[in-house]
Amino acid sequence: VQLVESGGGLVQPGGSLRLSCAASGFTFSSYAMSWYRQAPGKERELVARITNTGASTNYADSVKDRFTISRDNAKNTLYLQVNSLKPEDTAVYYCSVQVLWNTYWGQGTQVTVSS
């Protein structure tokens, strides 16, 4: 299993980014996928989750109505559209999948929100 995130960067408050996670090594369309984030000095937290078909999504209260998780099963890619960014959204963002009894993580992509 390999997960490779991209799309992070430095953005001003109120700005937007589109994070991507390229997946390989497993049948992507069969598994729910998640985005997590970890800010400095804080525990990793679940941001959003999407079912294998994309029919159902869930969000942390702190990002509802600002972030959108989606997937393209034909491209084996997971996305996170992040809008109306706030300084408290600054973190390393990770995509994750649980396959059987193992949880896999990407290397993360840094999102920094600052003026």
PDB file of N, CA and C in Angstrom:
ATOM      1  N   VAL A   1       0.854  -1.192   0.000  1.00  0.00           N
ATOM      2  CA  VAL A   1       0.000   0.000   0.000  1.00  0.00           C
ATOM      3  C   VAL A   1       0.889   1.241   0.000  1.00  0.00           C
ATOM      4  N   GLN A   2       0.576   2.152  -0.909  1.00  0.00           N
ATOM      5  CA  GLN A   2       1.313   3.415  -0.954  1.00  0.00           C
ATOM      6  C   GLN A   2       0.326   4.552  -1.098  1.00  0.00           C
ATOM      7  N   LEU A   3       0.503   5.570  -0.269  1.00  0.00           N
ATOM      8  CA  LEU A   3      -0.322   6.766  -0.306  1.00  0.00           C
ATOM      9  C   LEU A   3       0.606   7.972  -0.413  1.00  0.00           C
ATOM     10  N   VAL A   4       0.379   8.816  -1.409  1.00  0.00           N
ATOM     11  CA  VAL A   4       1.243   9.969  -1.632  1.00  0.00           C
ATOM     12  C   VAL A   4       0.393  11.227  -1.727  1.00  0.00           C
ATOM     13  N   GLU A   5       0.526  12.095  -0.714  1.00  0.00           N
ATOM     14  CA  GLU A   5      -0.232  13.344  -0.684  1.00  0.00           C
ATOM     15  C   GLU A   5       0.523  14.442  -1.421  1.00  0.00           C
ATOM     16  N   SER A   6      -0.236  15.404  -1.908  1.00  0.00           N
ATOM     17  CA  SER A   6       0.338  16.589  -2.548  1.00  0.00           C
ATOM     18  C   SER A   6      -0.680  17.719  -2.483  1.00  0.00           C
ATOM     19  N   GLY A   7      -0.230  18.917  -2.819  1.00  0.00           N
ATOM     20  CA  GLY A   7      -1.140  20.043  -2.916  1.00  0.00           C
ATOM     21  C   GLY A   7      -1.092  21.033  -1.772  1.00  0.00           C
ATOM     22  N   GLY A   8      -0.328  20.741  -0.740  1.00  0.00           N
ATOM     23  CA  GLY A   8      -0.228  21.666   0.375  1.00  0.00           C
ATOM     24  C   GLY A   8       0.580  22.901   0.003  1.00  0.00           C
ATOM     25  N   GLY A   9       0.620  23.847   0.952  1.00  0.00           N
ATOM     26  CA  GLY A   9       1.386  25.053   0.704  1.00  0.00           C
ATOM     27  C   GLY A   9       1.069  26.138   1.707  1.00  0.00           C
ATOM     28  N   LEU A  10       1.588  27.325   1.427  1.00  0.00           N
ATOM     29  CA  LEU A  10       1.342  28.496   2.262  1.00  0.00           C
ATOM     30  C   LEU A  10       0.207  29.302   1.636  1.00  0.00           C
ATOM     31  N   VAL A  11      -0.797  29.612   2.422  1.00  0.00           N
ATOM     32  CA  VAL A  11      -1.958  30.336   1.908  1.00  0.00           C
ATOM     33  C   VAL A  11      -2.408  31.352   2.948  1.00  0.00           C
ATOM     34  N   GLN A  12      -2.966  32.452   2.470  1.00  0.00           N
ATOM     35  CA  GLN A  12      -3.471  33.476   3.380  1.00  0.00           C
ATOM     36  C   GLN A  12      -4.807  33.050   3.973  1.00  0.00           C
ATOM     37  N   PRO A  13      -5.158  33.591   5.136  1.00  0.00           N
ATOM     38  CA  PRO A  13      -6.494  33.309   5.695  1.00  0.00           C
ATOM     39  C   PRO A  13      -7.579  33.620   4.682  1.00  0.00           C
ATOM     40  N   GLY A  14      -8.552  32.729   4.608  1.00  0.00           N
ATOM     41  CA  GLY A  14      -9.626  32.861   3.631  1.00  0.00           C
ATOM     42  C   GLY A  14      -9.340  32.185   2.310  1.00  0.00           C
ATOM     43  N   GLY A  15      -8.123  31.724   2.128  1.00  0.00           N
ATOM     44  CA  GLY A  15      -7.732  31.098   0.875  1.00  0.00           C
ATOM     45  C   GLY A  15      -8.180  29.650   0.762  1.00  0.00           C
ATOM     46  N   SER A  16      -7.804  29.048  -0.352  1.00  0.00           N
ATOM     47  CA  SER A  16      -8.216  27.673  -0.657  1.00  0.00           C
ATOM     48  C   SER A  16      -7.041  26.869  -1.202  1.00  0.00           C
ATOM     49  N   LEU A  17      -7.147  25.567  -1.013  1.00  0.00           N
ATOM     50  CA  LEU A  17      -6.202  24.608  -1.589  1.00  0.00           C
ATOM     51  C   LEU A  17      -6.979  23.356  -1.952  1.00  0.00           C
ATOM     52  N   ARG A  18      -6.392  22.568  -2.857  1.00  0.00           N
ATOM     53  CA  ARG A  18      -6.933  21.242  -3.152  1.00  0.00           C
ATOM     54  C   ARG A  18      -5.829  20.228  -2.893  1.00  0.00           C
ATOM     55  N   LEU A  19      -6.045  19.408  -1.883  1.00  0.00           N
ATOM     56  CA  LEU A  19      -5.099  18.356  -1.545  1.00  0.00           C
ATOM     57  C   LEU A  19      -5.459  17.091  -2.314  1.00  0.00           C
ATOM     58  N   SER A  20      -4.436  16.346  -2.726  1.00  0.00           N
ATOM     59  CA  SER A  20      -4.640  15.092  -3.436  1.00  0.00           C
ATOM     60  C   SER A  20      -3.878  13.978  -2.740  1.00  0.00           C
ATOM     61  N   CYS A  21      -4.377  12.765  -2.895  1.00  0.00           N
ATOM     62  CA  CYS A  21      -3.708  11.585  -2.353  1.00  0.00           C
ATOM     63  C   CYS A  21      -3.774  10.489  -3.416  1.00  0.00           C
ATOM     64  N   ALA A  22      -2.627  10.164  -3.981  1.00  0.00           N
ATOM     65  CA  ALA A  22      -2.550   9.112  -4.985  1.00  0.00           C
ATOM     66  C   ALA A  22      -2.321   7.782  -4.280  1.00  0.00           C
ATOM     67  N   ALA A  23      -3.194   6.831  -4.553  1.00  0.00           N
ATOM     68  CA  ALA A  23      -3.154   5.543  -3.862  1.00  0.00           C
ATOM     69  C   ALA A  23      -2.741   4.426  -4.807  1.00  0.00           C
ATOM     70  N   SER A  24      -2.016   3.447  -4.282  1.00  0.00           N
ATOM     71  CA  SER A  24      -1.628   2.287  -5.068  1.00  0.00           C
ATOM     72  C   SER A  24      -1.368   1.106  -4.139  1.00  0.00           C
ATOM     73  N   GLY A  25      -1.361  -0.078  -4.709  1.00  0.00           N
ATOM     74  CA  GLY A  25      -1.049  -1.266  -3.932  1.00  0.00           C
ATOM     75  C   GLY A  25      -2.246  -1.952  -3.301  1.00  0.00           C
ATOM     76  N   PHE A  26      -3.439  -1.439  -3.556  1.00  0.00           N
ATOM     77  CA  PHE A  26      -4.654  -2.071  -3.058  1.00  0.00           C
ATOM     78  C   PHE A  26      -5.792  -1.662  -3.978  1.00  0.00           C
ATOM     79  N   THR A  27      -6.932  -2.325  -3.826  1.00  0.00           N
ATOM     80  CA  THR A  27      -8.089  -2.024  -4.667  1.00  0.00           C
ATOM     81  C   THR A  27      -8.789  -0.796  -4.103  1.00  0.00           C
ATOM     82  N   PHE A  28      -8.385   0.350  -4.614  1.00  0.00           N
ATOM     83  CA  PHE A  28      -8.828   1.645  -4.060  1.00  0.00           C
ATOM     84  C   PHE A  28     -10.348   1.729  -3.952  1.00  0.00           C
ATOM     85  N   SER A  29     -11.046   1.283  -4.952  1.00  0.00           N
ATOM     86  CA  SER A  29     -12.508   1.438  -4.995  1.00  0.00           C
ATOM     87  C   SER A  29     -13.240   0.578  -3.977  1.00  0.00           C
ATOM     88  N   SER A  30     -12.526  -0.286  -3.275  1.00  0.00           N
ATOM     89  CA  SER A  30     -13.153  -1.166  -2.291  1.00  0.00           C
ATOM     90  C   SER A  30     -13.089  -0.641  -0.869  1.00  0.00           C
ATOM     91  N   TYR A  31     -12.382   0.467  -0.645  1.00  0.00           N
ATOM     92  CA  TYR A  31     -12.107   0.902   0.721  1.00  0.00           C
ATOM     93  C   TYR A  31     -12.514   2.345   0.981  1.00  0.00           C
ATOM     94  N   ALA A  32     -13.075   2.548   2.176  1.00  0.00           N
ATOM     95  CA  ALA A  32     -13.271   3.908   2.641  1.00  0.00           C
ATOM     96  C   ALA A  32     -11.908   4.571   2.842  1.00  0.00           C
ATOM     97  N   MET A  33     -11.887   5.882   2.684  1.00  0.00           N
ATOM     98  CA  MET A  33     -10.651   6.640   2.837  1.00  0.00           C
ATOM     99  C   MET A  33     -10.882   7.809   3.782  1.00  0.00           C
ATOM    100  N   SER A  34      -9.804   8.261   4.390  1.00  0.00           N
ATOM    101  CA  SER A  34      -9.903   9.348   5.360  1.00  0.00           C
ATOM    102  C   SER A  34      -8.779  10.355   5.190  1.00  0.00           C
ATOM    103  N   TRP A  35      -9.070  11.582   5.593  1.00  0.00           N
ATOM    104  CA  TRP A  35      -8.056  12.617   5.760  1.00  0.00           C
ATOM    105  C   TRP A  35      -7.941  12.923   7.253  1.00  0.00           C
ATOM    106  N   TYR A  36      -6.708  12.995   7.726  1.00  0.00           N
ATOM    107  CA  TYR A  36      -6.397  13.410   9.086  1.00  0.00           C
ATOM    108  C   TYR A  36      -5.470  14.617   9.007  1.00  0.00           C
ATOM    109  N   ARG A  37      -5.323  15.289  10.133  1.00  0.00           N
ATOM    110  CA  ARG A  37      -4.329  16.348  10.216  1.00  0.00           C
ATOM    111  C   ARG A  37      -3.710  16.368  11.608  1.00  0.00           C
ATOM    112  N   GLN A  38      -2.486  16.891  11.654  1.00  0.00           N
ATOM    113  CA  GLN A  38      -1.784  17.005  12.925  1.00  0.00           C
ATOM    114  C   GLN A  38      -1.076  18.349  12.967  1.00  0.00           C
ATOM    115  N   ALA A  39      -1.495  19.165  13.920  1.00  0.00           N
ATOM    116  CA  ALA A  39      -0.867  20.459  14.143  1.00  0.00           C
ATOM    117  C   ALA A  39       0.278  20.293  15.141  1.00  0.00           C
ATOM    118  N   PRO A  40       1.232  21.210  15.141  1.00  0.00           N
ATOM    119  CA  PRO A  40       2.364  21.110  16.070  1.00  0.00           C
ATOM    120  C   PRO A  40       1.895  21.024  17.519  1.00  0.00           C
ATOM    121  N   GLY A  41       2.387  20.045  18.234  1.00  0.00           N
ATOM    122  CA  GLY A  41       2.055  19.898  19.639  1.00  0.00           C
ATOM    123  C   GLY A  41       0.692  19.319  19.926  1.00  0.00           C
ATOM    124  N   LYS A  42      -0.012  18.893  18.873  1.00  0.00           N
ATOM    125  CA  LYS A  42      -1.363  18.352  19.048  1.00  0.00           C
ATOM    126  C   LYS A  42      -1.434  16.928  18.513  1.00  0.00           C
ATOM    127  N   GLU A  43      -2.459  16.219  18.939  1.00  0.00           N
ATOM    128  CA  GLU A  43      -2.673  14.865  18.447  1.00  0.00           C
ATOM    129  C   GLU A  43      -3.251  14.901  17.021  1.00  0.00           C
ATOM    130  N   ARG A  44      -3.001  13.826  16.299  1.00  0.00           N
ATOM    131  CA  ARG A  44      -3.585  13.702  14.974  1.00  0.00           C
ATOM    132  C   ARG A  44      -5.104  13.566  15.097  1.00  0.00           C
ATOM    133  N   GLU A  45      -5.834  14.295  14.257  1.00  0.00           N
ATOM    134  CA  GLU A  45      -7.288  14.269  14.341  1.00  0.00           C
ATOM    135  C   GLU A  45      -7.916  13.948  12.994  1.00  0.00           C
ATOM    136  N   LEU A  46      -9.052  13.287  13.040  1.00  0.00           N
ATOM    137  CA  LEU A  46      -9.800  12.965  11.825  1.00  0.00           C
ATOM    138  C   LEU A  46     -10.464  14.224  11.284  1.00  0.00           C
ATOM    139  N   VAL A  47     -10.263  14.475  10.011  1.00  0.00           N
ATOM    140  CA  VAL A  47     -10.853  15.642   9.362  1.00  0.00           C
ATOM    141  C   VAL A  47     -12.096  15.249   8.566  1.00  0.00           C
ATOM    142  N   ALA A  48     -11.966  14.209   7.747  1.00  0.00           N
ATOM    143  CA  ALA A  48     -13.085  13.807   6.890  1.00  0.00           C
ATOM    144  C   ALA A  48     -12.906  12.357   6.469  1.00  0.00           C
ATOM    145  N   ARG A  49     -14.036  11.741   6.165  1.00  0.00           N
ATOM    146  CA  ARG A  49     -14.025  10.344   5.740  1.00  0.00           C
ATOM    147  C   ARG A  49     -15.024  10.181   4.606  1.00  0.00           C
ATOM    148  N   ILE A  50     -14.716   9.259   3.690  1.00  0.00           N
ATOM    149  CA  ILE A  50     -15.600   9.004   2.554  1.00  0.00           C
ATOM    150  C   ILE A  50     -15.695   7.510   2.334  1.00  0.00           C
ATOM    151  N   THR A  51     -16.905   7.033   2.044  1.00  0.00           N
ATOM    152  CA  THR A  51     -17.079   5.609   1.778  1.00  0.00           C
ATOM    153  C   THR A  51     -16.445   5.221   0.449  1.00  0.00           C
ATOM    154  N   ASN A  52     -16.385   3.926   0.180  1.00  0.00           N
ATOM    155  CA  ASN A  52     -15.662   3.453  -0.999  1.00  0.00           C
ATOM    156  C   ASN A  52     -16.281   3.948  -2.303  1.00  0.00           C
ATOM    157  N   THR A  53     -17.586   4.127  -2.324  1.00  0.00           N
ATOM    158  CA  THR A  53     -18.241   4.608  -3.543  1.00  0.00           C
ATOM    159  C   THR A  53     -18.313   6.124  -3.608  1.00  0.00           C
ATOM    160  N   GLY A  54     -18.061   6.766  -2.479  1.00  0.00           N
ATOM    161  CA  GLY A  54     -18.214   8.211  -2.418  1.00  0.00           C
ATOM    162  C   GLY A  54     -19.621   8.668  -2.081  1.00  0.00           C
ATOM    163  N   ALA A  55     -20.485   7.719  -1.801  1.00  0.00           N
ATOM    164  CA  ALA A  55     -21.892   8.057  -1.569  1.00  0.00           C
ATOM    165  C   ALA A  55     -22.111   8.734  -0.225  1.00  0.00           C
ATOM    166  N   SER A  56     -21.226   8.507   0.717  1.00  0.00           N
ATOM    167  CA  SER A  56     -21.405   9.066   2.058  1.00  0.00           C
ATOM    168  C   SER A  56     -20.100   9.672   2.551  1.00  0.00           C
ATOM    169  N   THR A  57     -20.226  10.833   3.210  1.00  0.00           N
ATOM    170  CA  THR A  57     -19.070  11.522   3.762  1.00  0.00           C
ATOM    171  C   THR A  57     -19.359  11.976   5.184  1.00  0.00           C
ATOM    172  N   ASN A  58     -18.306  12.143   5.967  1.00  0.00           N
ATOM    173  CA  ASN A  58     -18.417  12.665   7.323  1.00  0.00           C
ATOM    174  C   ASN A  58     -17.292  13.655   7.548  1.00  0.00           C
ATOM    175  N   TYR A  59     -17.576  14.677   8.377  1.00  0.00           N
ATOM    176  CA  TYR A  59     -16.594  15.729   8.625  1.00  0.00           C
ATOM    177  C   TYR A  59     -16.491  16.030  10.116  1.00  0.00           C
ATOM    178  N   ALA A  60     -15.323  16.473  10.528  1.00  0.00           N
ATOM    179  CA  ALA A  60     -15.169  17.034  11.857  1.00  0.00           C
ATOM    180  C   ALA A  60     -15.958  18.338  11.921  1.00  0.00           C
ATOM    181  N   ASP A  61     -16.503  18.635  13.081  1.00  0.00           N
ATOM    182  CA  ASP A  61     -17.308  19.854  13.223  1.00  0.00           C
ATOM    183  C   ASP A  61     -16.515  21.101  12.845  1.00  0.00           C
ATOM    184  N   SER A  62     -15.216  21.079  13.107  1.00  0.00           N
ATOM    185  CA  SER A  62     -14.391  22.261  12.882  1.00  0.00           C
ATOM    186  C   SER A  62     -14.196  22.592  11.407  1.00  0.00           C
ATOM    187  N   VAL A  63     -14.493  21.636  10.504  1.00  0.00           N
ATOM    188  CA  VAL A  63     -14.258  21.880   9.081  1.00  0.00           C
ATOM    189  C   VAL A  63     -15.535  21.786   8.250  1.00  0.00           C
ATOM    190  N   LYS A  64     -16.650  21.436   8.881  1.00  0.00           N
ATOM    191  CA  LYS A  64     -17.910  21.334   8.129  1.00  0.00           C
ATOM    192  C   LYS A  64     -18.219  22.635   7.403  1.00  0.00           C
ATOM    193  N   ASP A  65     -18.712  22.512   6.201  1.00  0.00           N
ATOM    194  CA  ASP A  65     -19.109  23.632   5.351  1.00  0.00           C
ATOM    195  C   ASP A  65     -17.920  24.394   4.770  1.00  0.00           C
ATOM    196  N   ARG A  66     -16.688  23.961   5.103  1.00  0.00           N
ATOM    197  CA  ARG A  66     -15.498  24.587   4.520  1.00  0.00           C
ATOM    198  C   ARG A  66     -14.658  23.596   3.721  1.00  0.00           C
ATOM    199  N   PHE A  67     -14.650  22.341   4.141  1.00  0.00           N
ATOM    200  CA  PHE A  67     -13.848  21.308   3.490  1.00  0.00           C
ATOM    201  C   PHE A  67     -14.779  20.328   2.778  1.00  0.00           C
ATOM    202  N   THR A  68     -14.305  19.789   1.661  1.00  0.00           N
ATOM    203  CA  THR A  68     -15.057  18.777   0.922  1.00  0.00           C
ATOM    204  C   THR A  68     -14.132  17.632   0.529  1.00  0.00           C
ATOM    205  N   ILE A  69     -14.491  16.429   0.962  1.00  0.00           N
ATOM    206  CA  ILE A  69     -13.740  15.242   0.590  1.00  0.00           C
ATOM    207  C   ILE A  69     -14.404  14.609  -0.624  1.00  0.00           C
ATOM    208  N   SER A  70     -13.587  14.109  -1.540  1.00  0.00           N
ATOM    209  CA  SER A  70     -14.122  13.431  -2.721  1.00  0.00           C
ATOM    210  C   SER A  70     -13.088  12.424  -3.208  1.00  0.00           C
ATOM    211  N   ARG A  71     -13.491  11.616  -4.158  1.00  0.00           N
ATOM    212  CA  ARG A  71     -12.580  10.611  -4.698  1.00  0.00           C
ATOM    213  C   ARG A  71     -12.893  10.342  -6.155  1.00  0.00           C
ATOM    214  N   ASP A  72     -11.876   9.895  -6.869  1.00  0.00           N
ATOM    215  CA  ASP A  72     -12.032   9.468  -8.255  1.00  0.00           C
ATOM    216  C   ASP A  72     -11.505   8.038  -8.317  1.00  0.00           C
ATOM    217  N   ASN A  73     -12.396   7.079  -8.285  1.00  0.00           N
ATOM    218  CA  ASN A  73     -11.976   5.687  -8.249  1.00  0.00           C
ATOM    219  C   ASN A  73     -11.300   5.244  -9.553  1.00  0.00           C
ATOM    220  N   ALA A  74     -11.585   5.924 -10.648  1.00  0.00           N
ATOM    221  CA  ALA A  74     -10.931   5.594 -11.914  1.00  0.00           C
ATOM    222  C   ALA A  74      -9.457   6.017 -11.899  1.00  0.00           C
ATOM    223  N   LYS A  75      -9.152   7.020 -11.087  1.00  0.00           N
ATOM    224  CA  LYS A  75      -7.779   7.534 -11.006  1.00  0.00           C
ATOM    225  C   LYS A  75      -7.074   7.116  -9.711  1.00  0.00           C
ATOM    226  N   ASN A  76      -7.753   6.344  -8.875  1.00  0.00           N
ATOM    227  CA  ASN A  76      -7.187   5.923  -7.582  1.00  0.00           C
ATOM    228  C   ASN A  76      -6.687   7.120  -6.778  1.00  0.00           C
ATOM    229  N   THR A  77      -7.496   8.153  -6.738  1.00  0.00           N
ATOM    230  CA  THR A  77      -7.081   9.397  -6.091  1.00  0.00           C
ATOM    231  C   THR A  77      -8.161   9.915  -5.163  1.00  0.00           C
ATOM    232  N   LEU A  78      -7.715  10.354  -4.002  1.00  0.00           N
ATOM    233  CA  LEU A  78      -8.561  10.973  -2.982  1.00  0.00           C
ATOM    234  C   LEU A  78      -8.249  12.464  -2.961  1.00  0.00           C
ATOM    235  N   TYR A  79      -9.289  13.271  -2.724  1.00  0.00           N
ATOM    236  CA  TYR A  79      -9.109  14.724  -2.711  1.00  0.00           C
ATOM    237  C   TYR A  79      -9.670  15.320  -1.423  1.00  0.00           C
ATOM    238  N   LEU A  80      -9.144  16.494  -1.085  1.00  0.00           N
ATOM    239  CA  LEU A  80      -9.729  17.303  -0.023  1.00  0.00           C
ATOM    240  C   LEU A  80      -9.668  18.759  -0.476  1.00  0.00           C
ATOM    241  N   GLN A  81     -10.821  19.316  -0.787  1.00  0.00           N
ATOM    242  CA  GLN A  81     -10.913  20.738  -1.117  1.00  0.00           C
ATOM    243  C   GLN A  81     -11.066  21.508   0.181  1.00  0.00           C
ATOM    244  N   VAL A  82     -10.138  22.400   0.439  1.00  0.00           N
ATOM    245  CA  VAL A  82     -10.159  23.155   1.692  1.00  0.00           C
ATOM    246  C   VAL A  82     -10.349  24.625   1.357  1.00  0.00           C
ATOM    247  N   ASN A  83     -11.460  25.183   1.835  1.00  0.00           N
ATOM    248  CA  ASN A  83     -11.822  26.577   1.559  1.00  0.00           C
ATOM    249  C   ASN A  83     -11.903  27.366   2.856  1.00  0.00           C
ATOM    250  N   SER A  84     -11.933  28.684   2.707  1.00  0.00           N
ATOM    251  CA  SER A  84     -12.084  29.576   3.861  1.00  0.00           C
ATOM    252  C   SER A  84     -11.106  29.206   4.971  1.00  0.00           C
ATOM    253  N   LEU A  85      -9.857  29.034   4.594  1.00  0.00           N
ATOM    254  CA  LEU A  85      -8.856  28.545   5.546  1.00  0.00           C
ATOM    255  C   LEU A  85      -8.602  29.544   6.660  1.00  0.00           C
ATOM    256  N   LYS A  86      -8.362  28.991   7.851  1.00  0.00           N
ATOM    257  CA  LYS A  86      -8.090  29.763   9.049  1.00  0.00           C
ATOM    258  C   LYS A  86      -6.694  29.400   9.568  1.00  0.00           C
ATOM    259  N   PRO A  87      -6.075  30.271  10.330  1.00  0.00           N
ATOM    260  CA  PRO A  87      -4.752  29.929  10.885  1.00  0.00           C
ATOM    261  C   PRO A  87      -4.769  28.618  11.666  1.00  0.00           C
ATOM    262  N   GLU A  88      -5.881  28.314  12.321  1.00  0.00           N
ATOM    263  CA  GLU A  88      -5.955  27.073  13.096  1.00  0.00           C
ATOM    264  C   GLU A  88      -6.064  25.830  12.229  1.00  0.00           C
ATOM    265  N   ASP A  89      -6.173  25.987  10.925  1.00  0.00           N
ATOM    266  CA  ASP A  89      -6.132  24.849  10.008  1.00  0.00           C
ATOM    267  C   ASP A  89      -4.693  24.455   9.657  1.00  0.00           C
ATOM    268  N   THR A  90      -3.731  25.229  10.113  1.00  0.00           N
ATOM    269  CA  THR A  90      -2.327  24.912   9.858  1.00  0.00           C
ATOM    270  C   THR A  90      -1.974  23.559  10.471  1.00  0.00           C
ATOM    271  N   ALA A  91      -1.470  22.662   9.639  1.00  0.00           N
ATOM    272  CA  ALA A  91      -1.172  21.299  10.087  1.00  0.00           C
ATOM    273  C   ALA A  91      -0.554  20.526   8.926  1.00  0.00           C
ATOM    274  N   VAL A  92      -0.059  19.345   9.243  1.00  0.00           N
ATOM    275  CA  VAL A  92       0.287  18.375   8.215  1.00  0.00           C
ATOM    276  C   VAL A  92      -0.947  17.522   7.980  1.00  0.00           C
ATOM    277  N   TYR A  93      -1.334  17.406   6.730  1.00  0.00           N
ATOM    278  CA  TYR A  93      -2.533  16.650   6.356  1.00  0.00           C
ATOM    279  C   TYR A  93      -2.118  15.298   5.775  1.00  0.00           C
ATOM    280  N   TYR A  94      -2.770  14.248   6.272  1.00  0.00           N
ATOM    281  CA  TYR A  94      -2.446  12.882   5.879  1.00  0.00           C
ATOM    282  C   TYR A  94      -3.683  12.185   5.318  1.00  0.00           C
ATOM    283  N   CYS A  95      -3.492  11.384   4.298  1.00  0.00           N
ATOM    284  CA  CYS A  95      -4.571  10.480   3.914  1.00  0.00           C
ATOM    285  C   CYS A  95      -4.284   9.115   4.530  1.00  0.00           C
ATOM    286  N   SER A  96      -5.351   8.351   4.701  1.00  0.00           N
ATOM    287  CA  SER A  96      -5.237   7.093   5.433  1.00  0.00           C
ATOM    288  C   SER A  96      -6.249   6.082   4.923  1.00  0.00           C
ATOM    289  N   VAL A  97      -5.865   4.820   4.991  1.00  0.00           N
ATOM    290  CA  VAL A  97      -6.776   3.736   4.650  1.00  0.00           C
ATOM    291  C   VAL A  97      -6.532   2.571   5.605  1.00  0.00           C
ATOM    292  N   GLN A  98      -7.621   1.906   5.971  1.00  0.00           N
ATOM    293  CA  GLN A  98      -7.499   0.695   6.775  1.00  0.00           C
ATOM    294  C   GLN A  98      -7.782  -0.485   5.867  1.00  0.00           C
ATOM    295  N   VAL A  99      -6.787  -1.340   5.700  1.00  0.00           N
ATOM    296  CA  VAL A  99      -6.907  -2.526   4.877  1.00  0.00           C
ATOM    297  C   VAL A  99      -6.721  -3.728   5.787  1.00  0.00           C
ATOM    298  N   LEU A 100      -7.799  -4.517   5.907  1.00  0.00           N
ATOM    299  CA  LEU A 100      -7.828  -5.628   6.862  1.00  0.00           C
ATOM    300  C   LEU A 100      -7.507  -5.078   8.247  1.00  0.00           C
ATOM    301  N   TRP A 101      -6.441  -5.535   8.899  1.00  0.00           N
ATOM    302  CA  TRP A 101      -6.158  -5.106  10.265  1.00  0.00           C
ATOM    303  C   TRP A 101      -5.085  -4.022  10.332  1.00  0.00           C
ATOM    304  N   ASN A 102      -4.699  -3.494   9.175  1.00  0.00           N
ATOM    305  CA  ASN A 102      -3.613  -2.509   9.152  1.00  0.00           C
ATOM    306  C   ASN A 102      -4.107  -1.146   8.702  1.00  0.00           C
ATOM    307  N   THR A 103      -3.569  -0.124   9.339  1.00  0.00           N
ATOM    308  CA  THR A 103      -3.854   1.249   8.937  1.00  0.00           C
ATOM    309  C   THR A 103      -2.605   1.815   8.267  1.00  0.00           C
ATOM    310  N   TYR A 104      -2.813   2.382   7.088  1.00  0.00           N
ATOM    311  CA  TYR A 104      -1.710   2.925   6.305  1.00  0.00           C
ATOM    312  C   TYR A 104      -1.843   4.443   6.200  1.00  0.00           C
ATOM    313  N   TRP A 105      -0.673   5.091   6.183  1.00  0.00           N
ATOM    314  CA  TRP A 105      -0.619   6.552   6.127  1.00  0.00           C
ATOM    315  C   TRP A 105       0.312   6.992   5.003  1.00  0.00           C
ATOM    316  N   GLY A 106       0.024   8.148   4.446  1.00  0.00           N
ATOM    317  CA  GLY A 106       0.976   8.776   3.551  1.00  0.00           C
ATOM    318  C   GLY A 106       2.007   9.556   4.349  1.00  0.00           C
ATOM    319  N   GLN A 107       2.865  10.263   3.624  1.00  0.00           N
ATOM    320  CA  GLN A 107       3.938  11.027   4.292  1.00  0.00           C
ATOM    321  C   GLN A 107       3.450  12.393   4.755  1.00  0.00           C
ATOM    322  N   GLY A 108       2.282  12.786   4.264  1.00  0.00           N
ATOM    323  CA  GLY A 108       1.696  14.059   4.677  1.00  0.00           C
ATOM    324  C   GLY A 108       2.059  15.215   3.758  1.00  0.00           C
ATOM    325  N   THR A 109       1.204  16.231   3.771  1.00  0.00           N
ATOM    326  CA  THR A 109       1.466  17.468   3.040  1.00  0.00           C
ATOM    327  C   THR A 109       1.166  18.642   3.971  1.00  0.00           C
ATOM    328  N   GLN A 110       2.096  19.589   4.018  1.00  0.00           N
ATOM    329  CA  GLN A 110       1.986  20.702   4.972  1.00  0.00           C
ATOM    330  C   GLN A 110       1.061  21.781   4.430  1.00  0.00           C
ATOM    331  N   VAL A 111       0.117  22.191   5.252  1.00  0.00           N
ATOM    332  CA  VAL A 111      -0.730  23.343   4.962  1.00  0.00           C
ATOM    333  C   VAL A 111      -0.454  24.397   6.025  1.00  0.00           C
ATOM    334  N   THR A 112      -0.047  25.578   5.585  1.00  0.00           N
ATOM    335  CA  THR A 112       0.234  26.674   6.494  1.00  0.00           C
ATOM    336  C   THR A 112      -0.639  27.858   6.106  1.00  0.00           C
ATOM    337  N   VAL A 113      -1.429  28.319   7.065  1.00  0.00           N
ATOM    338  CA  VAL A 113      -2.328  29.454   6.832  1.00  0.00           C
ATOM    339  C   VAL A 113      -1.809  30.639   7.631  1.00  0.00           C
ATOM    340  N   SER A 114      -1.335  31.633   6.911  1.00  0.00           N
ATOM    341  CA  SER A 114      -0.727  32.786   7.565  1.00  0.00           C
ATOM    342  C   SER A 114      -0.743  33.989   6.631  1.00  0.00           C
ATOM    343  N   SER A 115      -0.889  35.163   7.235  1.00  0.00           N
ATOM    344  CA  SER A 115      -0.819  36.393   6.445  1.00  0.00           C
ATOM    345  C   SER A 115       0.592  36.943   6.433  1.00  0.00           C
TER     346      SER A 115
END
